[in-house]
Protein backbone atom coordinates (compact mmCIF):
# COMPACT_ATOMS: atom_id res chain seq x y z
CA MET A 1 13.51 -24.24 23.10
CA THR A 2 13.57 -26.09 26.40
CA TRP A 3 15.00 -29.52 27.11
CA GLU A 4 14.28 -31.65 30.15
CA LEU A 5 17.51 -33.60 30.72
CA HIS A 6 18.54 -36.66 32.70
CA ILE A 7 22.19 -36.67 33.69
CA ALA A 8 22.69 -40.27 34.83
CA ALA A 9 26.39 -40.14 35.70
CA SER A 10 26.04 -37.10 37.96
CA HIS A 11 26.53 -37.78 41.66
CA SER A 12 26.71 -34.16 42.81
CA LEU A 13 25.58 -30.70 41.82
CA LYS A 14 29.18 -29.95 40.80
CA GLU A 15 29.18 -32.81 38.26
CA LYS A 16 25.78 -31.69 36.95
CA ARG A 17 27.03 -28.12 36.53
CA GLN A 18 30.07 -29.30 34.57
CA VAL A 19 27.84 -31.11 32.06
CA LEU A 20 25.50 -28.12 31.76
CA LYS A 21 28.32 -25.59 31.47
CA SER A 22 29.84 -27.57 28.63
CA LEU A 23 26.49 -27.73 26.83
CA LYS A 24 25.72 -24.04 27.36
CA ASP A 25 29.17 -22.98 26.15
CA ARG A 26 28.96 -25.13 23.00
CA LEU A 27 25.45 -23.87 22.21
CA HIS A 28 26.46 -20.25 22.67
CA HIS A 29 29.66 -20.47 20.64
CA ARG A 30 28.27 -22.58 17.81
CA PHE A 31 24.83 -20.98 17.36
CA ASN A 32 25.10 -17.60 19.13
CA VAL A 33 22.08 -18.38 21.33
CA SER A 34 21.48 -17.52 24.96
CA ALA A 35 21.39 -20.62 27.17
CA ALA A 36 20.50 -21.07 30.83
CA GLU A 37 19.54 -23.70 33.37
CA THR A 38 15.93 -22.78 34.09
CA ALA A 39 14.69 -25.40 36.59
CA HIS A 40 15.66 -28.28 38.89
CA HIS A 41 18.63 -26.36 40.29
CA ASP A 42 18.97 -28.54 43.38
CA LEU A 43 18.61 -31.98 41.76
CA TRP A 44 21.74 -33.92 40.82
CA GLN A 45 20.51 -35.88 37.81
CA ARG A 46 17.76 -33.68 36.42
CA ALA A 47 18.03 -30.37 34.60
CA GLU A 48 16.03 -28.03 32.44
CA LEU A 49 18.08 -26.20 29.83
CA THR A 50 16.56 -23.38 27.78
CA VAL A 51 17.97 -21.56 24.76
CA CYS A 52 16.71 -18.43 23.11
CA VAL A 53 17.33 -17.23 19.57
CA VAL A 54 16.24 -13.84 18.26
CA SER A 55 15.58 -13.50 14.55
CA THR A 56 13.31 -11.61 12.17
CA ASP A 57 13.02 -14.79 10.07
CA ARG A 58 11.07 -17.70 11.59
CA GLY A 59 12.73 -20.14 9.16
CA HIS A 60 16.17 -19.12 10.35
CA ALA A 61 15.11 -19.47 14.00
CA ASP A 62 13.69 -22.95 13.27
CA SER A 63 16.93 -23.98 11.58
CA VAL A 64 19.08 -22.78 14.49
CA LEU A 65 16.85 -24.57 17.01
CA ARG A 66 16.89 -27.82 15.02
CA GLU A 67 20.69 -27.76 14.93
CA ALA A 68 20.84 -26.91 18.65
CA ASP A 69 18.52 -29.86 19.33
CA ARG A 70 20.90 -32.17 17.44
CA LEU A 71 23.84 -30.90 19.47
CA VAL A 72 22.03 -31.52 22.78
CA ALA A 73 20.82 -34.94 21.62
CA GLY A 74 24.39 -35.97 20.82
CA ALA A 75 25.93 -34.58 24.01
CA ASP A 76 27.82 -36.93 26.28
CA GLY A 77 26.39 -37.26 29.76
CA ALA A 78 22.89 -35.88 29.14
CA ARG A 79 19.81 -37.63 27.78
CA ILE A 80 16.78 -35.68 26.56
CA VAL A 81 13.60 -36.65 28.41
CA ASP A 82 11.33 -33.99 26.88
CA THR A 83 11.56 -31.01 24.53
CA SER A 84 9.31 -28.02 24.00
CA THR A 85 9.51 -25.02 21.72
CA THR A 86 7.75 -21.69 22.12
CA TYR A 87 7.65 -18.77 19.64
CA PHE A 88 6.91 -15.14 20.44
């Protein structure tokens, strides 16, 4: 799952990284997913965050991604602009 995020309060790359690090850490610890910033590395208020979950059960993967989406939607400092999900 990939989120396009707007980080309105960020005025530097350092502030942006703090918001993203917090999100990535919470996603990893709560859902055991891999999370990474995958685009817009040099922009202060824009980010693309991607998580990956590996499962033999599509229903379980869907459930984990739905919960991860709720966590990102409720995160302080970041607003979801767009979301996409890809299955392999």
